[in-house]
C-alpha cells in the first residue's frame, strides 16, 4: 500500500464525482462526507463519517463509456472540515488479488450480488 500524506477538504468540497472518474478512494479520519447516490430515478444520501471509506465502489463498478446513460452515479461532498487518507484504487485491487482464495471468492460473490441489487434498483 502506498504511503500518502493526509488531504484536507473544506465544507462543500467535492471528494469525487462519477462524472469525472477518480483513481482514488478516501479513508475518512476526521469529519464527515455526504455521499449522494443516484440509481436511475432514485436518489439516496448517506453520511460517511470517520473510520469509513468513500469512493471505494470504484473497485467493483466498471467505468462506462456512455456517461450520459449511467444507471449509477455518486458524488461525495464534505459536510465539515475533513481529514482523509488517499487510497489509490489500484492499491486496493492489488491487495484483493493477493488475498487468500476463499476471501477473494467471498468478495467476488458479495460484490456481484450488490451489483445486481444496484441494477434492479435502477430500473424504472
Protein backbone atom coordinates (compact mmCIF):
# COMPACT_ATOMS: atom_id res chain seq x y z
CA UNK A 1 0.00 0.00 0.00
CA UNK A 2 1.27 3.43 -0.88
CA UNK A 3 2.11 5.78 1.99
CA UNK A 4 0.37 9.09 1.48
CA UNK A 5 0.04 12.34 3.33
CA UNK A 6 -3.31 13.38 4.70
CA UNK A 7 -5.52 15.51 2.48
CA UNK A 8 -7.92 18.13 3.76
CA UNK A 9 -11.31 19.21 2.46
CA UNK A 10 -13.48 22.14 3.48
CA UNK A 11 -17.31 22.09 3.65
CA UNK A 12 -18.68 21.93 0.11
CA UNK A 13 -15.51 20.49 -1.43
CA UNK A 14 -16.16 17.55 -3.76
CA UNK A 15 -14.02 14.49 -2.96
CA UNK A 16 -15.17 12.66 -6.08
CA UNK A 17 -17.92 12.59 -8.67
CA UNK A 18 -18.56 9.68 -11.05
CA UNK A 19 -18.95 12.20 -13.87
CA UNK A 20 -15.19 12.77 -13.53
CA UNK A 21 -13.83 9.34 -12.55
CA UNK A 22 -11.13 9.24 -9.91
CA UNK A 23 -8.35 6.73 -9.44
CA UNK A 24 -8.50 7.21 -5.66
CA UNK A 25 -10.70 6.33 -2.72
CA UNK A 26 -10.54 8.08 0.65
CA UNK A 27 -10.38 6.83 4.20
CA UNK A 28 -12.09 9.47 6.32
CA UNK A 29 -10.12 10.12 9.51
CA UNK A 30 -11.91 13.24 10.76
CA UNK A 31 -15.11 15.00 9.72
CA UNK A 32 -17.98 13.76 7.62
CA UNK A 33 -18.94 13.50 3.97
CA UNK A 34 -22.32 13.39 2.28
CA UNK A 35 -22.44 10.59 -0.29
CA UNK A 36 -25.12 11.34 -2.87
CA UNK A 37 -26.15 8.28 -4.88
CA UNK A 38 -28.41 8.26 -7.93
CA UNK A 39 -29.73 4.99 -9.28
CA UNK A 40 -31.73 5.80 -12.41
CA UNK A 41 -34.56 7.94 -10.98
CA UNK A 42 -33.92 7.05 -7.33
CA UNK A 43 -31.75 9.16 -5.03
CA UNK A 44 -30.15 8.23 -1.74
CA UNK A 45 -27.96 10.24 0.60
CA UNK A 46 -25.61 8.67 3.13
CA UNK A 47 -23.48 10.30 5.78
CA UNK A 48 -19.95 8.90 5.78
CA UNK A 49 -18.02 9.59 8.98
CA UNK A 50 -14.61 8.90 10.48
CA UNK A 51 -13.16 5.41 10.02
CA UNK A 52 -15.13 4.77 6.83
CA UNK A 53 -14.13 4.63 3.17
CA UNK A 54 -15.68 6.65 0.38
CA UNK A 55 -15.02 6.16 -3.33
CA UNK A 56 -14.09 2.53 -2.87
CA UNK A 57 -17.01 1.34 -5.02
CA UNK A 58 -14.76 2.13 -7.98
CA UNK A 59 -13.02 -1.17 -7.20
CA UNK A 60 -16.16 -3.03 -8.27
CA UNK A 61 -18.07 -0.66 -10.52
CA UNK A 62 -16.62 -0.53 -14.02
CA UNK A 63 -16.34 2.86 -15.67
CA UNK A 64 -18.76 3.06 -18.59
CA UNK A 65 -18.01 4.85 -21.82
CA UNK A 66 -21.51 6.36 -22.21
CA UNK A 67 -21.60 8.75 -19.22
CA UNK A 68 -25.00 10.18 -20.27
CA UNK A 69 -26.68 6.83 -19.67
CA UNK A 70 -25.02 5.76 -16.42
CA UNK A 71 -27.52 3.97 -14.21
CA UNK A 72 -25.35 4.61 -11.16
CA UNK A 73 -23.89 7.97 -10.21
CA UNK A 74 -22.23 9.07 -7.00
CA UNK A 75 -20.83 12.26 -5.58
CA UNK A 76 -19.11 12.84 -2.23
CA UNK A 77 -19.15 16.30 -0.67
CA UNK A 78 -17.51 17.39 2.59
CA UNK A 79 -20.10 18.40 5.20
CA UNK A 80 -17.50 19.86 7.55
CA UNK A 81 -13.71 20.06 7.60
CA UNK A 82 -12.42 16.61 6.60
CA UNK A 83 -9.04 14.96 7.03
CA UNK A 84 -8.62 11.86 4.88
CA UNK A 85 -6.02 9.46 3.57
CA UNK A 86 -5.89 8.94 -0.18
CA UNK A 87 -6.04 5.25 -1.12
CA UNK A 88 -5.32 4.54 -4.80
CA UNK A 89 -7.92 2.19 -6.31
CA UNK A 90 -5.04 0.27 -7.93
CA UNK A 91 -3.64 -0.46 -4.44
CA UNK A 92 -7.00 -1.81 -3.28
CA UNK A 93 -7.22 -4.05 -6.36
CA UNK A 94 -3.65 -5.27 -5.76
CA UNK A 95 -4.48 -6.15 -2.14
CA UNK A 96 -7.58 -8.04 -3.28
CA UNK A 97 -5.58 -10.01 -5.83
CA UNK A 98 -3.11 -11.03 -3.11
CA UNK A 99 -5.74 -12.16 -0.60
CA UNK A 100 -6.46 -15.86 0.09
CA UNK A 101 -8.69 -17.65 -2.46
CA UNK A 102 -11.63 -18.09 -0.05
CA UNK A 103 -11.69 -14.39 0.81
CA UNK A 104 -11.38 -13.48 -2.88
CA UNK A 105 -14.29 -15.81 -3.76
CA UNK A 106 -16.45 -14.35 -0.98
CA UNK A 107 -15.66 -10.79 -2.08
CA UNK A 108 -16.45 -11.58 -5.71
CA UNK A 109 -19.75 -13.22 -4.76
CA UNK A 110 -20.76 -10.39 -2.44
CA UNK A 111 -19.94 -7.68 -4.96
CA UNK A 112 -21.81 -9.45 -7.74
CA UNK A 113 -24.92 -9.54 -5.51
CA UNK A 114 -24.53 -5.85 -4.69
CA UNK A 115 -24.23 -5.01 -8.40
CA UNK A 116 -27.42 -6.98 -9.14
CA UNK A 117 -29.21 -5.02 -6.40
CA UNK A 118 -27.95 -1.74 -7.89
CA UNK A 119 -29.12 -2.80 -11.34
CA UNK A 120 -32.57 -3.83 -10.05
CA UNK A 121 -33.00 -0.63 -8.02
CA UNK A 122 -32.09 1.47 -11.03
CA UNK A 123 -34.89 0.05 -13.17
CA UNK A 124 -37.97 2.23 -13.64
